[in-house]
């Protein structure tokens, strides 16, 4: 696999009616000398900037983003982008799952951030065995180019508690409404896990990777940990869609910039189109 990404974006800007969607765990900021160089934010930040400037997704769901990192992401995407979401702490502090969107392409209809817990409207609340609060950002959009309405969810499920992950899937599925819905997230679970079975077998969701008409890249594990990706490791970063959404292309982005991995996770990307005319205006 090539060390550098020299041939332009993997997908890049997409004209209507296609919609470019990306999920990306940016890895929370680590800058202490005790951390390996590959993990330090000041080492990775230029690569994150280069990646996002090249790809320009219309919707970007990020995970583990601290406020300063979210600022860099928004700056890298450009002036037409807006962000939604706050930290997962009781006062909206700490790392979060900000959702970025192209405001020239998409009109924001409504949004909210809720906790994945027994008390979804209580900031910082925890349930089901997770020690760190888990959240979901929900945004409802109208596509200015097509008139289609859809919902986007972005989340980061708990890495340690299988019970928390499975219970969280119930909450995510309950949020999906009659409009076509896209879920982006680091689900900390691979295909065949209880978490994904709950979503794909028992819920309304489909895996964008498997349903894509074309896969631009090979299927590899998305948590590469700053190493070349391998196909014998699971995808734990996902884009899922409900009925009314057709997936044209899907990709797992293993690009490096200046020899630097942007994150310990690799972004997952998809190009989708809305096929359900019910949400059009």
C-alpha atoms as a PDB file:
ATOM      1  CA  UNK A   1       0.000   0.000   0.000  1.00  0.00           C
ATOM      2  CA  UNK A   2       1.316   3.422  -0.922  1.00  0.00           C
ATOM      3  CA  UNK A   3       2.851   5.531   1.837  1.00  0.00           C
ATOM      4  CA  UNK A   4       1.458   8.813   0.539  1.00  0.00           C
ATOM      5  CA  UNK A   5      -1.839   9.946  -0.916  1.00  0.00           C
ATOM      6  CA  UNK A   6      -0.734  11.719  -4.090  1.00  0.00           C
ATOM      7  CA  UNK A   7      -3.510  11.082  -6.592  1.00  0.00           C
ATOM      8  CA  UNK A   8      -6.106  13.457  -5.142  1.00  0.00           C
ATOM      9  CA  UNK A   9      -9.067  12.638  -2.905  1.00  0.00           C
ATOM     10  CA  UNK A  10     -10.415   9.147  -2.522  1.00  0.00           C
ATOM     11  CA  UNK A  11     -13.939  10.469  -3.128  1.00  0.00           C
ATOM     12  CA  UNK A  12     -13.845  14.252  -2.725  1.00  0.00           C
ATOM     13  CA  UNK A  13     -16.691  16.697  -3.388  1.00  0.00           C
ATOM     14  CA  UNK A  14     -19.780  15.043  -4.869  1.00  0.00           C
ATOM     15  CA  UNK A  15     -22.404  16.860  -6.984  1.00  0.00           C
ATOM     16  CA  UNK A  16     -26.132  16.441  -6.264  1.00  0.00           C
ATOM     17  CA  UNK A  17     -28.048  14.294  -5.932  1.00  0.00           C
ATOM     18  CA  UNK A  18     -25.157  12.321  -4.403  1.00  0.00           C
ATOM     19  CA  UNK A  19     -24.239  13.093  -0.805  1.00  0.00           C
ATOM     20  CA  UNK A  20     -20.742  12.373   0.507  1.00  0.00           C
ATOM     21  CA  UNK A  21     -20.824  11.027   4.086  1.00  0.00           C
ATOM     22  CA  UNK A  22     -17.815  10.301   6.305  1.00  0.00           C
ATOM     23  CA  UNK A  23     -17.316   8.928   9.814  1.00  0.00           C
ATOM     24  CA  UNK A  24     -13.960   9.636  11.455  1.00  0.00           C
ATOM     25  CA  UNK A  25     -12.643   9.010  14.970  1.00  0.00           C
ATOM     26  CA  UNK A  26     -10.022  11.766  15.153  1.00  0.00           C
ATOM     27  CA  UNK A  27      -8.445  10.381  18.349  1.00  0.00           C
ATOM     28  CA  UNK A  28      -8.653  12.796  21.271  1.00  0.00           C
ATOM     29  CA  UNK A  29      -5.765  15.185  21.734  1.00  0.00           C
ATOM     30  CA  UNK A  30      -2.605  13.636  23.191  1.00  0.00           C
ATOM     31  CA  UNK A  31       0.469  15.863  23.406  1.00  0.00           C
ATOM     32  CA  UNK A  32       2.479  14.779  26.456  1.00  0.00           C
ATOM     33  CA  UNK A  33       6.021  13.518  26.013  1.00  0.00           C
ATOM     34  CA  UNK A  34       4.931  10.166  27.456  1.00  0.00           C
ATOM     35  CA  UNK A  35       2.779   9.556  24.390  1.00  0.00           C
ATOM     36  CA  UNK A  36       4.313   8.055  21.286  1.00  0.00           C
ATOM     37  CA  UNK A  37       4.927  10.540  18.518  1.00  0.00           C
ATOM     38  CA  UNK A  38       2.320   8.971  16.229  1.00  0.00           C
ATOM     39  CA  UNK A  39      -0.367   9.746  18.830  1.00  0.00           C
ATOM     40  CA  UNK A  40       0.501  13.377  19.485  1.00  0.00           C
ATOM     41  CA  UNK A  41      -2.040  15.811  18.134  1.00  0.00           C
ATOM     42  CA  UNK A  42       0.509  18.403  17.035  1.00  0.00           C
ATOM     43  CA  UNK A  43       2.118  15.671  14.919  1.00  0.00           C
ATOM     44  CA  UNK A  44      -1.198  14.491  13.409  1.00  0.00           C
ATOM     45  CA  UNK A  45      -3.081  17.777  13.019  1.00  0.00           C
ATOM     46  CA  UNK A  46      -1.578  18.713   9.611  1.00  0.00           C
ATOM     47  CA  UNK A  47      -2.541  15.270   8.260  1.00  0.00           C
ATOM     48  CA  UNK A  48      -6.112  15.647   9.554  1.00  0.00           C
ATOM     49  CA  UNK A  49      -6.305  19.060   7.895  1.00  0.00           C
ATOM     50  CA  UNK A  50      -4.980  17.708   4.575  1.00  0.00           C
ATOM     51  CA  UNK A  51      -7.394  14.757   4.626  1.00  0.00           C
ATOM     52  CA  UNK A  52     -10.477  16.894   5.217  1.00  0.00           C
ATOM     53  CA  UNK A  53      -9.496  19.586   2.741  1.00  0.00           C
ATOM     54  CA  UNK A  54      -9.147  16.869   0.116  1.00  0.00           C
ATOM     55  CA  UNK A  55     -12.307  14.893   0.859  1.00  0.00           C
ATOM     56  CA  UNK A  56     -14.869  17.632   1.698  1.00  0.00           C
ATOM     57  CA  UNK A  57     -17.717  15.365   2.828  1.00  0.00           C
ATOM     58  CA  UNK A  58     -21.119  17.036   2.965  1.00  0.00           C
ATOM     59  CA  UNK A  59     -21.712  15.277   6.302  1.00  0.00           C
ATOM     60  CA  UNK A  60     -18.893  14.362   8.675  1.00  0.00           C
ATOM     61  CA  UNK A  61     -19.512  12.521  11.926  1.00  0.00           C
ATOM     62  CA  UNK A  62     -16.480  12.737  14.220  1.00  0.00           C
ATOM     63  CA  UNK A  63     -15.706  10.986  17.471  1.00  0.00           C
ATOM     64  CA  UNK A  64     -13.328  11.758  20.374  1.00  0.00           C
ATOM     65  CA  UNK A  65     -13.026  15.391  19.306  1.00  0.00           C
ATOM     66  CA  UNK A  66     -11.934  17.892  21.948  1.00  0.00           C
ATOM     67  CA  UNK A  67     -13.015  21.527  21.394  1.00  0.00           C
ATOM     68  CA  UNK A  68      -9.716  22.622  19.847  1.00  0.00           C
ATOM     69  CA  UNK A  69      -9.751  19.628  17.538  1.00  0.00           C
ATOM     70  CA  UNK A  70     -13.303  20.433  16.443  1.00  0.00           C
ATOM     71  CA  UNK A  71     -12.117  23.959  15.610  1.00  0.00           C
ATOM     72  CA  UNK A  72      -9.380  22.568  13.372  1.00  0.00           C
ATOM     73  CA  UNK A  73     -11.822  20.224  11.628  1.00  0.00           C
ATOM     74  CA  UNK A  74     -14.238  23.066  10.915  1.00  0.00           C
ATOM     75  CA  UNK A  75     -11.419  25.291   9.648  1.00  0.00           C
ATOM     76  CA  UNK A  76     -10.078  22.508   7.412  1.00  0.00           C
ATOM     77  CA  UNK A  77     -13.500  21.911   5.861  1.00  0.00           C
ATOM     78  CA  UNK A  78     -14.021  25.583   5.071  1.00  0.00           C
ATOM     79  CA  UNK A  79     -16.258  28.563   5.739  1.00  0.00           C
ATOM     80  CA  UNK A  80     -19.451  26.981   4.390  1.00  0.00           C
ATOM     81  CA  UNK A  81     -19.413  24.259   7.069  1.00  0.00           C
ATOM     82  CA  UNK A  82     -21.173  24.341  10.441  1.00  0.00           C
ATOM     83  CA  UNK A  83     -20.922  21.994  13.422  1.00  0.00           C
ATOM     84  CA  UNK A  84     -23.375  20.565  15.931  1.00  0.00           C
ATOM     85  CA  UNK A  85     -22.699  19.033  19.333  1.00  0.00           C
ATOM     86  CA  UNK A  86     -20.865  19.644  22.581  1.00  0.00           C
ATOM     87  CA  UNK A  87     -18.799  17.641  25.039  1.00  0.00           C
ATOM     88  CA  UNK A  88     -20.270  14.633  26.801  1.00  0.00           C
ATOM     89  CA  UNK A  89     -19.770  16.017  30.335  1.00  0.00           C
ATOM     90  CA  UNK A  90     -22.574  17.370  32.542  1.00  0.00           C
ATOM     91  CA  UNK A  91     -21.844  20.928  31.409  1.00  0.00           C
ATOM     92  CA  UNK A  92     -21.140  20.052  27.805  1.00  0.00           C
ATOM     93  CA  UNK A  93     -17.384  19.891  28.357  1.00  0.00           C
ATOM     94  CA  UNK A  94     -14.804  17.294  27.341  1.00  0.00           C
ATOM     95  CA  UNK A  95     -14.624  15.215  24.216  1.00  0.00           C
ATOM     96  CA  UNK A  96     -17.649  14.933  22.016  1.00  0.00           C
ATOM     97  CA  UNK A  97     -19.095  13.643  18.746  1.00  0.00           C
ATOM     98  CA  UNK A  98     -19.531  16.839  16.735  1.00  0.00           C
ATOM     99  CA  UNK A  99     -21.384  16.531  13.457  1.00  0.00           C
ATOM    100  CA  UNK A 100     -20.196  18.799  10.642  1.00  0.00           C
ATOM    101  CA  UNK A 101     -22.257  19.665   7.579  1.00  0.00           C
ATOM    102  CA  UNK A 102     -22.052  21.751   4.420  1.00  0.00           C
ATOM    103  CA  UNK A 103     -24.549  24.546   5.126  1.00  0.00           C
ATOM    104  CA  UNK A 104     -24.649  25.625   1.480  1.00  0.00           C
ATOM    105  CA  UNK A 105     -25.875  22.172   0.485  1.00  0.00           C
ATOM    106  CA  UNK A 106     -27.929  21.273   3.568  1.00  0.00           C
ATOM    107  CA  UNK A 107     -30.516  23.260   5.505  1.00  0.00           C
ATOM    108  CA  UNK A 108     -30.613  22.379   9.198  1.00  0.00           C
ATOM    109  CA  UNK A 109     -34.216  21.779  10.302  1.00  0.00           C
ATOM    110  CA  UNK A 110     -33.610  20.721  13.926  1.00  0.00           C
ATOM    111  CA  UNK A 111     -30.975  19.061  16.080  1.00  0.00           C
ATOM    112  CA  UNK A 112     -30.315  17.794  19.598  1.00  0.00           C
ATOM    113  CA  UNK A 113     -27.697  15.967  21.616  1.00  0.00           C
ATOM    114  CA  UNK A 114     -28.859  13.271  24.014  1.00  0.00           C
ATOM    115  CA  UNK A 115     -27.174  10.850  26.363  1.00  0.00           C
ATOM    116  CA  UNK A 116     -27.198   7.139  25.628  1.00  0.00           C
ATOM    117  CA  UNK A 117     -28.529   6.287  29.061  1.00  0.00           C
ATOM    118  CA  UNK A 118     -31.708   5.800  31.045  1.00  0.00           C
ATOM    119  CA  UNK A 119     -31.833   9.611  31.288  1.00  0.00           C
ATOM    120  CA  UNK A 120     -31.187  10.829  27.750  1.00  0.00           C
ATOM    121  CA  UNK A 121     -31.817  14.514  28.497  1.00  0.00           C
ATOM    122  CA  UNK A 122     -29.498  14.601  31.519  1.00  0.00           C
ATOM    123  CA  UNK A 123     -26.027  15.711  30.386  1.00  0.00           C
ATOM    124  CA  UNK A 124     -23.232  13.451  31.587  1.00  0.00           C
ATOM    125  CA  UNK A 125     -25.585  10.640  32.600  1.00  0.00           C
ATOM    126  CA  UNK A 126     -24.366   7.045  32.430  1.00  0.00           C
ATOM    127  CA  UNK A 127     -26.166   3.699  32.388  1.00  0.00           C
ATOM    128  CA  UNK A 128     -25.696   0.080  31.402  1.00  0.00           C
ATOM    129  CA  UNK A 129     -22.113  -0.256  32.650  1.00  0.00           C
ATOM    130  CA  UNK A 130     -20.243   2.440  30.753  1.00  0.00           C
ATOM    131  CA  UNK A 131     -17.876   4.511  32.904  1.00  0.00           C
ATOM    132  CA  UNK A 132     -17.667   7.359  30.370  1.00  0.00           C
ATOM    133  CA  UNK A 133     -20.842   9.186  29.269  1.00  0.00           C
ATOM    134  CA  UNK A 134     -21.971   8.225  25.775  1.00  0.00           C
ATOM    135  CA  UNK A 135     -23.949  10.528  23.519  1.00  0.00           C
ATOM    136  CA  UNK A 136     -25.649  10.771  20.153  1.00  0.00           C
ATOM    137  CA  UNK A 137     -26.015  13.915  18.051  1.00  0.00           C
ATOM    138  CA  UNK A 138     -29.199  13.911  15.951  1.00  0.00           C
ATOM    139  CA  UNK A 139     -29.737  16.367  13.101  1.00  0.00           C
ATOM    140  CA  UNK A 140     -32.613  16.670  10.667  1.00  0.00           C
ATOM    141  CA  UNK A 141     -31.770  18.206   7.321  1.00  0.00           C
ATOM    142  CA  UNK A 142     -33.349  19.335   4.086  1.00  0.00           C
ATOM    143  CA  UNK A 143     -31.154  18.941   1.016  1.00  0.00           C
ATOM    144  CA  UNK A 144     -31.310  22.310  -0.746  1.00  0.00           C
ATOM    145  CA  UNK A 145     -30.432  20.671  -4.085  1.00  0.00           C
ATOM    146  CA  UNK A 146     -33.095  17.953  -4.088  1.00  0.00           C
ATOM    147  CA  UNK A 147     -35.662  18.974  -1.476  1.00  0.00           C
ATOM    148  CA  UNK A 148     -35.240  15.620   0.273  1.00  0.00           C
ATOM    149  CA  UNK A 149     -35.430  15.508   4.052  1.00  0.00           C
ATOM    150  CA  UNK A 150     -33.344  13.081   6.063  1.00  0.00           C
ATOM    151  CA  UNK A 151     -31.916  12.506   9.530  1.00  0.00           C
ATOM    152  CA  UNK A 152     -28.273  12.048  10.512  1.00  0.00           C
ATOM    153  CA  UNK A 153     -27.086  10.445  13.755  1.00  0.00           C
ATOM    154  CA  UNK A 154     -23.502  10.438  15.015  1.00  0.00           C
ATOM    155  CA  UNK A 155     -22.239   8.494  18.022  1.00  0.00           C
ATOM    156  CA  UNK A 156     -19.377   6.688  19.755  1.00  0.00           C
ATOM    157  CA  UNK A 157     -20.315   3.532  21.653  1.00  0.00           C
ATOM    158  CA  UNK A 158     -18.539   2.279  24.746  1.00  0.00           C
ATOM    159  CA  UNK A 159     -15.397   0.167  24.144  1.00  0.00           C
ATOM    160  CA  UNK A 160     -15.596  -1.783  27.396  1.00  0.00           C
ATOM    161  CA  UNK A 161     -19.233  -2.665  28.103  1.00  0.00           C
ATOM    162  CA  UNK A 162     -21.018  -4.986  25.642  1.00  0.00           C
ATOM    163  CA  UNK A 163     -24.240  -4.381  27.572  1.00  0.00           C
ATOM    164  CA  UNK A 164     -23.911  -0.635  27.078  1.00  0.00           C
ATOM    165  CA  UNK A 165     -23.344  -1.057  23.358  1.00  0.00           C
ATOM    166  CA  UNK A 166     -26.382  -3.305  22.902  1.00  0.00           C
ATOM    167  CA  UNK A 167     -28.658  -1.100  25.001  1.00  0.00           C
ATOM    168  CA  UNK A 168     -27.433   1.923  23.071  1.00  0.00           C
ATOM    169  CA  UNK A 169     -28.567   0.317  19.815  1.00  0.00           C
ATOM    170  CA  UNK A 170     -32.135   0.376  21.113  1.00  0.00           C
ATOM    171  CA  UNK A 171     -31.857   4.121  21.707  1.00  0.00           C
ATOM    172  CA  UNK A 172     -30.338   4.736  18.270  1.00  0.00           C
ATOM    173  CA  UNK A 173     -33.051   2.747  16.518  1.00  0.00           C
ATOM    174  CA  UNK A 174     -35.764   4.574  18.470  1.00  0.00           C
ATOM    175  CA  UNK A 175     -34.444   7.907  17.163  1.00  0.00           C
ATOM    176  CA  UNK A 176     -34.659   6.830  13.522  1.00  0.00           C
ATOM    177  CA  UNK A 177     -37.936   8.201  12.218  1.00  0.00           C
ATOM    178  CA  UNK A 178     -39.967   8.079   9.005  1.00  0.00           C
ATOM    179  CA  UNK A 179     -37.367  10.104   7.119  1.00  0.00           C
ATOM    180  CA  UNK A 180     -34.394   8.249   5.629  1.00  0.00           C
ATOM    181  CA  UNK A 181     -31.696   8.105   8.307  1.00  0.00           C
ATOM    182  CA  UNK A 182     -27.898   7.861   8.231  1.00  0.00           C
ATOM    183  CA  UNK A 183     -25.932   6.636  11.249  1.00  0.00           C
ATOM    184  CA  UNK A 184     -22.206   7.393  11.510  1.00  0.00           C
ATOM    185  CA  UNK A 185     -20.103   6.204  14.388  1.00  0.00           C
ATOM    186  CA  UNK A 186     -17.317   4.341  16.057  1.00  0.00           C
ATOM    187  CA  UNK A 187     -19.417   1.467  17.342  1.00  0.00           C
ATOM    188  CA  UNK A 188     -16.489  -0.414  18.919  1.00  0.00           C
ATOM    189  CA  UNK A 189     -17.935  -3.607  17.487  1.00  0.00           C
ATOM    190  CA  UNK A 190     -17.354  -5.653  14.380  1.00  0.00           C
ATOM    191  CA  UNK A 191     -19.623  -7.526  12.008  1.00  0.00           C
ATOM    192  CA  UNK A 192     -21.263 -10.483  13.730  1.00  0.00           C
ATOM    193  CA  UNK A 193     -21.092  -8.883  17.178  1.00  0.00           C
ATOM    194  CA  UNK A 194     -24.198  -8.613  19.349  1.00  0.00           C
ATOM    195  CA  UNK A 195     -24.139  -4.866  18.727  1.00  0.00           C
ATOM    196  CA  UNK A 196     -24.243  -5.155  14.954  1.00  0.00           C
ATOM    197  CA  UNK A 197     -26.731  -8.013  15.033  1.00  0.00           C
ATOM    198  CA  UNK A 198     -29.037  -5.812  17.100  1.00  0.00           C
ATOM    199  CA  UNK A 199     -28.769  -3.048  14.508  1.00  0.00           C
ATOM    200  CA  UNK A 200     -28.706  -5.001  11.254  1.00  0.00           C
ATOM    201  CA  UNK A 201     -30.850  -8.031  12.079  1.00  0.00           C
ATOM    202  CA  UNK A 202     -33.340  -6.564  14.519  1.00  0.00           C
ATOM    203  CA  UNK A 203     -33.338  -2.898  13.499  1.00  0.00           C
ATOM    204  CA  UNK A 204     -34.092  -0.887  10.354  1.00  0.00           C
ATOM    205  CA  UNK A 205     -30.446  -0.424   9.426  1.00  0.00           C
ATOM    206  CA  UNK A 206     -28.329  -1.617   6.497  1.00  0.00           C
ATOM    207  CA  UNK A 207     -24.543  -1.624   6.273  1.00  0.00           C
ATOM    208  CA  UNK A 208     -23.527   0.989   3.691  1.00  0.00           C
ATOM    209  CA  UNK A 209     -20.359  -0.984   2.904  1.00  0.00           C
ATOM    210  CA  UNK A 210     -22.177  -4.188   2.009  1.00  0.00           C
ATOM    211  CA  UNK A 211     -25.009  -2.513   0.120  1.00  0.00           C
ATOM    212  CA  UNK A 212     -22.785  -0.161  -1.907  1.00  0.00           C
ATOM    213  CA  UNK A 213     -22.988  -0.581  -5.675  1.00  0.00           C
ATOM    214  CA  UNK A 214     -19.211  -0.095  -5.778  1.00  0.00           C
ATOM    215  CA  UNK A 215     -16.469  -0.365  -3.161  1.00  0.00           C
ATOM    216  CA  UNK A 216     -13.593   1.957  -3.939  1.00  0.00           C
ATOM    217  CA  UNK A 217     -11.132   0.214  -1.607  1.00  0.00           C
ATOM    218  CA  UNK A 218     -10.515  -3.145  -0.001  1.00  0.00           C
ATOM    219  CA  UNK A 219     -12.301  -4.110   3.201  1.00  0.00           C
ATOM    220  CA  UNK A 220      -9.870  -3.696   6.095  1.00  0.00           C
ATOM    221  CA  UNK A 221     -10.027  -3.212   9.835  1.00  0.00           C
ATOM    222  CA  UNK A 222     -10.632   0.438  10.611  1.00  0.00           C
ATOM    223  CA  UNK A 223      -8.733   0.561  13.911  1.00  0.00           C
ATOM    224  CA  UNK A 224      -5.227   0.301  12.450  1.00  0.00           C
ATOM    225  CA  UNK A 225      -3.478   1.982  15.418  1.00  0.00           C
ATOM    226  CA  UNK A 226      -1.057   3.904  13.153  1.00  0.00           C
ATOM    227  CA  UNK A 227      -0.052   0.794  11.245  1.00  0.00           C
ATOM    228  CA  UNK A 228      -0.792  -0.412   7.716  1.00  0.00           C
ATOM    229  CA  UNK A 229      -4.356  -1.751   7.626  1.00  0.00           C
ATOM    230  CA  UNK A 230      -5.090  -5.462   7.626  1.00  0.00           C
ATOM    231  CA  UNK A 231      -8.042  -7.362   6.257  1.00  0.00           C
ATOM    232  CA  UNK A 232      -8.080  -9.808   9.166  1.00  0.00           C
ATOM    233  CA  UNK A 233      -9.194  -7.135  11.645  1.00  0.00           C
ATOM    234  CA  UNK A 234     -12.783  -5.912  12.083  1.00  0.00           C
ATOM    235  CA  UNK A 235     -14.440  -2.775  10.880  1.00  0.00           C
ATOM    236  CA  UNK A 236     -15.510  -0.971  14.044  1.00  0.00           C
ATOM    237  CA  UNK A 237     -16.295   2.362  12.354  1.00  0.00           C
ATOM    238  CA  UNK A 238     -19.591   2.257  10.467  1.00  0.00           C
ATOM    239  CA  UNK A 239     -21.997   4.062   8.197  1.00  0.00           C
ATOM    240  CA  UNK A 240     -25.478   2.579   8.396  1.00  0.00           C
ATOM    241  CA  UNK A 241     -28.560   3.645   6.470  1.00  0.00           C
ATOM    242  CA  UNK A 242     -32.292   2.986   6.578  1.00  0.00           C
ATOM    243  CA  UNK A 243     -34.802   2.493   3.787  1.00  0.00           C
ATOM    244  CA  UNK A 244     -34.982   5.296   1.264  1.00  0.00           C
ATOM    245  CA  UNK A 245     -31.197   5.615   0.932  1.00  0.00           C
ATOM    246  CA  UNK A 246     -29.192   4.070  -1.887  1.00  0.00           C
ATOM    247  CA  UNK A 247     -25.432   3.676  -1.492  1.00  0.00           C
ATOM    248  CA  UNK A 248     -23.479   4.326  -4.678  1.00  0.00           C
ATOM    249  CA  UNK A 249     -19.918   4.032  -3.374  1.00  0.00           C
ATOM    250  CA  UNK A 250     -18.114   3.136  -0.161  1.00  0.00           C
ATOM    251  CA  UNK A 251     -14.478   3.400   0.891  1.00  0.00           C
ATOM    252  CA  UNK A 252     -12.112   2.975   3.844  1.00  0.00           C
ATOM    253  CA  UNK A 253      -9.496   5.704   3.686  1.00  0.00           C
ATOM    254  CA  UNK A 254      -5.977   4.450   4.475  1.00  0.00           C
ATOM    255  CA  UNK A 255      -4.212   7.583   3.234  1.00  0.00           C
ATOM    256  CA  UNK A 256      -1.175   9.085   4.926  1.00  0.00           C
ATOM    257  CA  UNK A 257      -0.025  12.658   4.468  1.00  0.00           C
ATOM    258  CA  UNK A 258       3.663  13.455   4.727  1.00  0.00           C
ATOM    259  CA  UNK A 259       4.109   9.924   6.020  1.00  0.00           C
ATOM    260  CA  UNK A 260       1.739  10.622   8.930  1.00  0.00           C
ATOM    261  CA  UNK A 261      -1.460   8.768   9.806  1.00  0.00           C
ATOM    262  CA  UNK A 262      -4.222  11.280  10.638  1.00  0.00           C
ATOM    263  CA  UNK A 263      -5.576   9.051  13.419  1.00  0.00           C
ATOM    264  CA  UNK A 264      -5.379   5.575  14.905  1.00  0.00           C
ATOM    265  CA  UNK A 265      -8.718   4.996  13.139  1.00  0.00           C
ATOM    266  CA  UNK A 266      -9.292   5.204   9.401  1.00  0.00           C
ATOM    267  CA  UNK A 267     -12.260   7.147   8.051  1.00  0.00           C
ATOM    268  CA  UNK A 268     -15.123   5.315   6.382  1.00  0.00           C
ATOM    269  CA  UNK A 269     -16.796   7.135   3.492  1.00  0.00           C
ATOM    270  CA  UNK A 270     -19.887   6.628   1.376  1.00  0.00           C
ATOM    271  CA  UNK A 271     -21.770   8.364  -1.419  1.00  0.00           C
ATOM    272  CA  UNK A 272     -25.523   8.063  -0.934  1.00  0.00           C
ATOM    273  CA  UNK A 273     -28.671   9.260  -2.673  1.00  0.00           C
ATOM    274  CA  UNK A 274     -32.167   9.588  -1.247  1.00  0.00           C
ATOM    275  CA  UNK A 275     -34.712   7.475  -3.075  1.00  0.00           C
ATOM    276  CA  UNK A 276     -37.740   8.041  -0.842  1.00  0.00           C
ATOM    277  CA  UNK A 277     -39.737  10.934  -2.257  1.00  0.00           C
ATOM    278  CA  UNK A 278     -41.941  11.153   0.846  1.00  0.00           C
ATOM    279  CA  UNK A 279     -39.557  13.609   2.499  1.00  0.00           C
ATOM    280  CA  UNK A 280     -39.294  15.944  -0.486  1.00  0.00           C
ATOM    281  CA  UNK A 281     -40.841  19.369  -0.442  1.00  0.00           C
END
